[in-house]
Amino acid sequence: MEEVDSIILISLREIGCDFDDDVKLKNLTPEEIYKAIFTLCKIIKQEIDVPEKSTLPAQMAQRFGAASSLVDCVKGLGFKGDLGYQTILYANNSELRGVLM
């Protein structure tokens, strides 16, 4: 799976996600995960209704709301897997891999 994770990270860097070269998928912060999914949504469908900002708010209640809105956008694009705000805020490596692939 490490090879798959490397390919995902390379692809994310190519679309504008600024990750360190030595970062691993399992080490991404919630902010980095949010930005990656946000960027992917905008590339897939420019006019999709995603939150205005590509960063998570500092307040916990607003973080839940922003993550939930982004999840709704991903599902609106046709993602059929199990996905909730917790995937962004408390990522499980296999769930995150599934969403990003």
C-alpha atoms as a PDB file:
ATOM      1  CA  MET A   1       0.000   0.000   0.000  1.00  0.00           C
ATOM      2  CA  GLU A   2       2.942   2.318   0.490  1.00  0.00           C
ATOM      3  CA  GLU A   3       3.449   2.442  -3.287  1.00  0.00           C
ATOM      4  CA  VAL A   4      -0.205   3.401  -3.791  1.00  0.00           C
ATOM      5  CA  ASP A   5       0.132   6.105  -1.137  1.00  0.00           C
ATOM      6  CA  SER A   6       3.217   7.475  -2.897  1.00  0.00           C
ATOM      7  CA  ILE A   7       1.359   7.662  -6.202  1.00  0.00           C
ATOM      8  CA  ILE A   8      -1.543   9.474  -4.530  1.00  0.00           C
ATOM      9  CA  LEU A   9       0.806  12.009  -2.937  1.00  0.00           C
ATOM     10  CA  ILE A  10       2.682  12.595  -6.209  1.00  0.00           C
ATOM     11  CA  SER A  11      -0.633  13.182  -7.978  1.00  0.00           C
ATOM     12  CA  LEU A  12      -1.794  15.592  -5.282  1.00  0.00           C
ATOM     13  CA  ARG A  13       1.451  17.567  -5.535  1.00  0.00           C
ATOM     14  CA  GLU A  14       0.960  17.815  -9.305  1.00  0.00           C
ATOM     15  CA  ILE A  15      -2.445  19.475  -8.843  1.00  0.00           C
ATOM     16  CA  GLY A  16      -1.126  22.044  -6.391  1.00  0.00           C
ATOM     17  CA  CYS A  17      -1.138  20.491  -2.926  1.00  0.00           C
ATOM     18  CA  ASP A  18       2.037  21.579  -1.152  1.00  0.00           C
ATOM     19  CA  PHE A  19       3.119  18.524   0.785  1.00  0.00           C
ATOM     20  CA  ASP A  20       6.653  17.927   1.986  1.00  0.00           C
ATOM     21  CA  ASP A  21       8.556  15.373  -0.070  1.00  0.00           C
ATOM     22  CA  ASP A  22       8.942  13.036   2.891  1.00  0.00           C
ATOM     23  CA  VAL A  23       5.321  13.141   4.100  1.00  0.00           C
ATOM     24  CA  LYS A  24       3.324   9.905   4.247  1.00  0.00           C
ATOM     25  CA  LEU A  25      -0.406   9.619   3.599  1.00  0.00           C
ATOM     26  CA  LYS A  26      -0.956   8.499   7.199  1.00  0.00           C
ATOM     27  CA  ASN A  27       0.784  11.655   8.462  1.00  0.00           C
ATOM     28  CA  LEU A  28      -1.388  14.203   6.645  1.00  0.00           C
ATOM     29  CA  THR A  29      -3.018  16.732   8.929  1.00  0.00           C
ATOM     30  CA  PRO A  30      -6.769  17.382   8.782  1.00  0.00           C
ATOM     31  CA  GLU A  31      -5.956  20.710   7.092  1.00  0.00           C
ATOM     32  CA  GLU A  32      -3.918  18.957   4.387  1.00  0.00           C
ATOM     33  CA  ILE A  33      -6.613  16.328   3.862  1.00  0.00           C
ATOM     34  CA  TYR A  34      -9.287  19.018   3.579  1.00  0.00           C
ATOM     35  CA  LYS A  35      -7.241  20.999   1.064  1.00  0.00           C
ATOM     36  CA  ALA A  36      -6.510  17.882  -1.015  1.00  0.00           C
ATOM     37  CA  ILE A  37     -10.172  16.861  -1.214  1.00  0.00           C
ATOM     38  CA  PHE A  38     -11.241  20.466  -1.851  1.00  0.00           C
ATOM     39  CA  THR A  39      -8.731  20.765  -4.706  1.00  0.00           C
ATOM     40  CA  LEU A  40      -9.838  17.474  -6.233  1.00  0.00           C
ATOM     41  CA  CYS A  41     -13.511  18.515  -6.116  1.00  0.00           C
ATOM     42  CA  LYS A  42     -12.754  21.807  -7.871  1.00  0.00           C
ATOM     43  CA  ILE A  43     -10.762  20.009 -10.580  1.00  0.00           C
ATOM     44  CA  ILE A  44     -13.477  17.420 -11.166  1.00  0.00           C
ATOM     45  CA  LYS A  45     -16.253  19.986 -11.430  1.00  0.00           C
ATOM     46  CA  GLN A  46     -15.424  23.715 -11.328  1.00  0.00           C
ATOM     47  CA  GLU A  47     -18.967  24.860 -10.600  1.00  0.00           C
ATOM     48  CA  ILE A  48     -19.616  22.432  -7.751  1.00  0.00           C
ATOM     49  CA  ASP A  49     -20.875  24.006  -4.550  1.00  0.00           C
ATOM     50  CA  VAL A  50     -17.871  23.590  -2.270  1.00  0.00           C
ATOM     51  CA  PRO A  51     -17.126  25.863   0.651  1.00  0.00           C
ATOM     52  CA  GLU A  52     -15.410  29.106  -0.360  1.00  0.00           C
ATOM     53  CA  LYS A  53     -12.202  28.504   1.531  1.00  0.00           C
ATOM     54  CA  SER A  54      -9.736  25.709   0.862  1.00  0.00           C
ATOM     55  CA  THR A  55      -8.705  25.632   4.530  1.00  0.00           C
ATOM     56  CA  LEU A  56     -10.361  24.381   7.681  1.00  0.00           C
ATOM     57  CA  PRO A  57     -11.559  26.990  10.178  1.00  0.00           C
ATOM     58  CA  ALA A  58      -9.905  27.135  13.603  1.00  0.00           C
ATOM     59  CA  GLN A  59     -13.121  26.732  15.661  1.00  0.00           C
ATOM     60  CA  MET A  60     -14.117  23.085  16.194  1.00  0.00           C
ATOM     61  CA  ALA A  61     -17.831  23.596  15.426  1.00  0.00           C
ATOM     62  CA  GLN A  62     -16.949  25.362  12.174  1.00  0.00           C
ATOM     63  CA  ARG A  63     -14.476  22.579  11.321  1.00  0.00           C
ATOM     64  CA  PHE A  64     -17.280  20.001  11.591  1.00  0.00           C
ATOM     65  CA  GLY A  65     -19.500  22.140   9.379  1.00  0.00           C
ATOM     66  CA  ALA A  66     -16.817  22.711   6.739  1.00  0.00           C
ATOM     67  CA  ALA A  67     -15.840  19.029   6.691  1.00  0.00           C
ATOM     68  CA  SER A  68     -19.496  17.991   6.402  1.00  0.00           C
ATOM     69  CA  SER A  69     -20.085  20.432   3.521  1.00  0.00           C
ATOM     70  CA  LEU A  70     -17.055  19.078   1.700  1.00  0.00           C
ATOM     71  CA  VAL A  71     -18.262  15.506   2.237  1.00  0.00           C
ATOM     72  CA  ASP A  72     -21.628  16.488   0.715  1.00  0.00           C
ATOM     73  CA  CYS A  73     -19.779  17.826  -2.336  1.00  0.00           C
ATOM     74  CA  VAL A  74     -17.800  14.609  -2.745  1.00  0.00           C
ATOM     75  CA  LYS A  75     -20.989  12.555  -2.517  1.00  0.00           C
ATOM     76  CA  GLY A  76     -22.604  14.919  -5.016  1.00  0.00           C
ATOM     77  CA  LEU A  77     -19.856  13.992  -7.455  1.00  0.00           C
ATOM     78  CA  GLY A  78     -20.947  10.360  -7.208  1.00  0.00           C
ATOM     79  CA  PHE A  79     -18.647   8.920  -4.541  1.00  0.00           C
ATOM     80  CA  LYS A  80     -20.367   5.772  -3.281  1.00  0.00           C
ATOM     81  CA  GLY A  81     -18.021   4.778  -0.458  1.00  0.00           C
ATOM     82  CA  ASP A  82     -18.387   5.329   3.254  1.00  0.00           C
ATOM     83  CA  LEU A  83     -17.522   8.963   3.888  1.00  0.00           C
ATOM     84  CA  GLY A  84     -18.229  11.361   6.726  1.00  0.00           C
ATOM     85  CA  TYR A  85     -16.682  14.409   8.356  1.00  0.00           C
ATOM     86  CA  GLN A  86     -14.565  12.080  10.508  1.00  0.00           C
ATOM     87  CA  THR A  87     -12.687  10.921   7.406  1.00  0.00           C
ATOM     88  CA  ILE A  88     -11.360  14.460   7.030  1.00  0.00           C
ATOM     89  CA  LEU A  89     -10.897  15.341  10.692  1.00  0.00           C
ATOM     90  CA  TYR A  90      -9.764  11.953  12.060  1.00  0.00           C
ATOM     91  CA  ALA A  91      -8.611  10.103   8.972  1.00  0.00           C
ATOM     92  CA  ASN A  92      -8.294   6.378   8.893  1.00  0.00           C
ATOM     93  CA  ASN A  93      -5.588   5.554   6.352  1.00  0.00           C
ATOM     94  CA  SER A  94      -7.641   3.061   4.325  1.00  0.00           C
ATOM     95  CA  GLU A  95     -10.724   5.356   4.213  1.00  0.00           C
ATOM     96  CA  LEU A  96      -8.578   8.290   3.137  1.00  0.00           C
ATOM     97  CA  ARG A  97      -6.872   6.210   0.458  1.00  0.00           C
ATOM     98  CA  GLY A  98     -10.272   5.169  -0.902  1.00  0.00           C
ATOM     99  CA  VAL A  99     -11.526   8.752  -1.123  1.00  0.00           C
ATOM    100  CA  LEU A 100      -8.365  10.101  -2.751  1.00  0.00           C
ATOM    101  CA  MET A 101      -8.161   7.294  -5.298  1.00  0.00           C
END
